[in-house]
Amino acid sequence: MNKQNQEVNVKNLCSRKLWELLKNAEWQDKSERFAIERELSGRRHYIKELEQLTARETMH
């Protein structure tokens, strides 16, 4: 199974890996990105970074 066919299981990844996936745009679609953001928010990790990333993307 190649990477493109695999769905990211956000519950099984550490916060640092989730942040790297999000920051480096290594997600398949917007629903996967949303799942990563929601998981990080729920864990209360990278809250400031998430806010900055969202703010930066809304400016484009």
Protein backbone atom coordinates (compact mmCIF):
# COMPACT_ATOMS: atom_id res chain seq x y z
CA MET A 1 0.00 0.00 0.00
CA ASN A 2 1.52 3.32 -0.96
CA LYS A 3 1.40 6.54 1.03
CA GLN A 4 -1.32 8.10 -1.11
CA ASN A 5 -3.77 5.29 -0.33
CA GLN A 6 -3.15 5.36 3.39
CA GLU A 7 -5.36 7.44 5.62
CA VAL A 8 -3.62 9.18 8.50
CA ASN A 9 -4.85 7.92 11.85
CA VAL A 10 -4.32 11.06 13.89
CA LYS A 11 -5.05 9.34 17.22
CA ASN A 12 -2.02 7.08 16.79
CA LEU A 13 0.52 9.79 16.00
CA CYS A 14 2.43 11.92 18.47
CA SER A 15 1.78 15.64 18.53
CA ARG A 16 5.16 16.45 17.05
CA LYS A 17 4.52 14.20 14.02
CA LEU A 18 1.05 15.70 13.54
CA TRP A 19 2.53 19.19 13.65
CA GLU A 20 5.17 18.22 11.08
CA LEU A 21 2.49 16.80 8.77
CA LEU A 22 0.40 19.93 9.09
CA LYS A 23 3.27 22.39 8.80
CA ASN A 24 4.77 20.66 5.77
CA ALA A 25 1.39 20.24 4.05
CA GLU A 26 1.74 16.45 4.03
CA TRP A 27 -2.00 15.80 4.09
CA GLN A 28 -4.22 14.35 1.40
CA ASP A 29 -7.24 16.66 1.54
CA LYS A 30 -8.94 19.34 3.60
CA SER A 31 -10.76 16.81 5.79
CA GLU A 32 -7.45 15.20 6.74
CA ARG A 33 -5.97 18.61 7.50
CA PHE A 34 -8.99 19.44 9.66
CA ALA A 35 -8.61 16.14 11.54
CA ILE A 36 -4.97 16.95 12.29
CA GLU A 37 -5.84 20.47 13.46
CA ARG A 38 -8.70 19.19 15.62
CA GLU A 39 -6.51 16.52 17.22
CA LEU A 40 -3.74 18.98 18.05
CA SER A 41 -6.25 21.47 19.45
CA GLY A 42 -7.80 18.76 21.59
CA ARG A 43 -4.41 17.82 22.95
CA ARG A 44 -3.73 21.51 23.60
CA HIS A 45 -0.33 21.20 21.88
CA TYR A 46 0.91 23.73 19.38
CA ILE A 47 -2.07 26.03 20.03
CA LYS A 48 -0.10 29.22 19.33
CA GLU A 49 1.50 27.70 16.24
CA LEU A 50 -1.90 26.55 14.94
CA GLU A 51 -3.30 30.05 15.36
CA GLN A 52 -0.31 31.55 13.53
CA LEU A 53 -0.56 29.01 10.71
CA THR A 54 -4.28 29.67 10.29
CA ALA A 55 -3.77 33.43 10.36
CA ARG A 56 -1.00 33.20 7.79
CA GLU A 57 -3.13 31.07 5.45
CA THR A 58 -6.15 33.36 5.64
CA MET A 59 -3.97 36.24 4.49
CA HIS A 60 -3.34 34.46 1.15
